Amino acid sequence: MFKAHHIAFTVSDIEQTTVWYETMLGFQKTADNYSDNKVYKAVLLSKPDCLAIELFEFSDSEPLAEHRKEIMSDITVKGTKHICFQVDDLKAALANLAAKGVEIATEPGEAFFGASYAFIQDPDGNLLEFCEIHS
């Protein structure tokens, strides 16, 4: 038996991004690791009953390619696409995020698996999906 524990993103400013995930999405920093040689920093962000998010910052990291910031162009590139957070009320979740200053990256849509969804982006352009499953 196994279950998902975390997803990882490499970011340009780990302190700024940590604050963003704490403020905008309610995560809390539960662990960190800063290398002695300052080559990388790592942070684990957790939230009850949710997949954790591990952030990395490397001194020589490349920025996210522009096509990876666009949902429809990124979906055609092999590899990991995004994380999806299930919410009870998508409209309310999006309104809450917008009130905090989060830019909603897409209009809500309907997924083939019976859910409404919309995307936002973190400060580095990593795609985050929110979905409401229809019963």
Protein backbone atom coordinates (compact mmCIF):
# COMPACT_ATOMS: atom_id res chain seq x y z
CA MET A 1 0.00 0.00 0.00
CA PHE A 2 1.22 3.46 -0.75
CA LYS A 3 -0.12 7.00 -1.00
CA ALA A 4 1.27 10.20 -2.43
CA HIS A 5 3.36 12.26 -0.01
CA HIS A 6 4.55 15.35 -1.88
CA ILE A 7 5.17 17.08 -5.18
CA ALA A 8 8.30 19.17 -5.77
CA PHE A 9 8.85 22.46 -7.59
CA THR A 10 12.10 24.29 -8.26
CA VAL A 11 11.61 28.02 -7.67
CA SER A 12 13.65 31.18 -8.08
CA ASP A 13 13.14 32.64 -4.59
CA ILE A 14 12.33 30.05 -1.94
CA GLU A 15 11.56 32.58 0.80
CA GLN A 16 9.10 34.53 -1.39
CA THR A 17 7.47 31.35 -2.69
CA THR A 18 7.20 29.84 0.81
CA VAL A 19 5.35 32.97 2.00
CA TRP A 20 3.09 32.79 -1.09
CA TYR A 21 2.07 29.16 -0.39
CA GLU A 22 1.53 29.98 3.29
CA THR A 23 -0.47 33.16 2.66
CA MET A 24 -2.41 32.21 -0.45
CA LEU A 25 -3.01 28.48 0.10
CA GLY A 26 -2.64 27.96 3.85
CA PHE A 27 0.41 25.67 3.84
CA GLN A 28 2.94 25.71 6.70
CA LYS A 29 6.68 25.20 6.51
CA THR A 30 7.36 21.95 8.38
CA ALA A 31 11.00 21.33 7.42
CA ASP A 32 13.88 23.01 5.65
CA ASN A 33 17.39 22.19 4.53
CA TYR A 34 19.97 24.73 3.43
CA SER A 35 23.18 23.28 1.99
CA ASP A 36 26.44 24.32 3.60
CA ASN A 37 27.90 25.30 0.25
CA LYS A 38 24.81 27.43 -0.62
CA VAL A 39 24.19 25.43 -3.81
CA TYR A 40 20.58 24.69 -2.86
CA LYS A 41 17.82 25.34 -0.35
CA ALA A 42 14.83 23.06 0.27
CA VAL A 43 11.57 23.57 2.15
CA LEU A 44 8.69 21.19 2.85
CA LEU A 45 5.25 22.78 3.08
CA SER A 46 2.40 20.83 4.65
CA LYS A 47 -1.32 21.17 5.19
CA PRO A 48 -3.59 18.68 6.99
CA ASP A 49 -5.11 16.03 4.70
CA CYS A 50 -3.26 17.38 1.68
CA LEU A 51 -0.31 16.40 -0.47
CA ALA A 52 2.80 18.24 0.76
CA ILE A 53 4.80 20.57 -1.47
CA GLU A 54 8.59 20.46 -1.53
CA LEU A 55 10.32 23.59 -2.84
CA PHE A 56 13.90 23.73 -4.12
CA GLU A 57 16.02 26.75 -4.95
CA PHE A 58 19.34 26.20 -6.72
CA SER A 59 21.96 28.88 -7.26
CA ASP A 60 22.17 28.00 -10.96
CA SER A 61 18.59 26.99 -11.84
CA GLU A 62 17.03 27.79 -15.19
CA PRO A 63 13.72 29.71 -15.34
CA LEU A 64 10.55 27.86 -16.29
CA ALA A 65 10.25 27.87 -20.07
CA GLU A 66 7.49 30.19 -21.29
CA HIS A 67 5.59 27.36 -23.03
CA ARG A 68 5.41 25.54 -19.65
CA LYS A 69 3.46 28.50 -18.19
CA GLU A 70 0.65 28.09 -20.73
CA ILE A 71 -1.71 25.21 -20.02
CA MET A 72 -2.52 24.24 -23.60
CA SER A 73 1.09 24.39 -24.84
CA ASP A 74 2.47 22.64 -21.76
CA ILE A 75 0.03 19.73 -21.96
CA THR A 76 1.67 18.58 -25.21
CA VAL A 77 5.16 18.39 -23.64
CA LYS A 78 6.10 15.09 -22.01
CA GLY A 79 6.51 15.17 -18.24
CA THR A 80 4.70 16.30 -15.13
CA LYS A 81 1.99 18.89 -15.80
CA HIS A 82 0.49 20.23 -12.57
CA ILE A 83 -0.95 19.42 -9.18
CA CYS A 84 -4.69 19.54 -8.61
CA PHE A 85 -6.34 20.47 -5.31
CA GLN A 86 -9.91 19.23 -4.83
CA VAL A 87 -12.27 21.78 -3.28
CA ASP A 88 -15.91 21.55 -2.22
CA ASP A 89 -16.92 24.79 -3.99
CA LEU A 90 -14.78 25.94 -6.93
CA LYS A 91 -16.52 29.30 -7.32
CA ALA A 92 -15.95 30.13 -3.64
CA ALA A 93 -12.34 28.91 -3.73
CA LEU A 94 -11.56 31.08 -6.77
CA ALA A 95 -13.25 34.10 -5.18
CA ASN A 96 -11.18 33.57 -2.02
CA LEU A 97 -7.95 33.32 -4.02
CA ALA A 98 -8.80 36.38 -6.14
CA ALA A 99 -9.56 38.38 -2.96
CA LYS A 100 -6.02 37.55 -1.78
CA GLY A 101 -4.59 38.85 -5.05
CA VAL A 102 -4.03 35.54 -6.80
CA GLU A 103 -4.44 35.80 -10.57
CA ILE A 104 -6.78 33.16 -11.94
CA ALA A 105 -4.97 31.80 -15.01
CA THR A 106 -7.99 30.22 -16.73
CA GLU A 107 -11.72 30.54 -16.80
CA PRO A 108 -13.48 27.63 -15.10
CA GLY A 109 -14.01 24.66 -17.38
CA GLU A 110 -15.51 21.19 -17.31
CA ALA A 111 -13.23 18.14 -17.10
CA PHE A 112 -13.97 14.84 -18.81
CA PHE A 113 -13.99 13.09 -15.41
CA GLY A 114 -16.98 15.00 -14.04
CA ALA A 115 -15.44 18.06 -12.41
CA SER A 116 -15.30 21.82 -12.79
CA TYR A 117 -11.76 23.19 -12.76
CA ALA A 118 -9.61 26.31 -13.06
CA PHE A 119 -5.89 27.04 -12.88
CA ILE A 120 -3.72 29.52 -11.04
CA GLN A 121 0.06 29.93 -11.08
CA ASP A 122 2.56 30.31 -8.26
CA PRO A 123 5.17 33.11 -8.42
CA ASP A 124 7.38 31.05 -10.77
CA GLY A 125 4.56 30.10 -13.13
CA ASN A 126 4.03 26.55 -11.85
CA LEU A 127 0.48 25.53 -12.71
CA LEU A 128 -1.90 24.69 -9.86
CA GLU A 129 -5.34 23.34 -10.64
CA PHE A 130 -8.41 23.51 -8.41
CA CYS A 131 -11.35 21.21 -9.11
CA GLU A 132 -14.80 20.55 -7.74
CA ILE A 133 -15.98 16.97 -8.32
CA HIS A 134 -19.64 16.72 -9.34
CA SER A 135 -21.59 14.05 -7.49
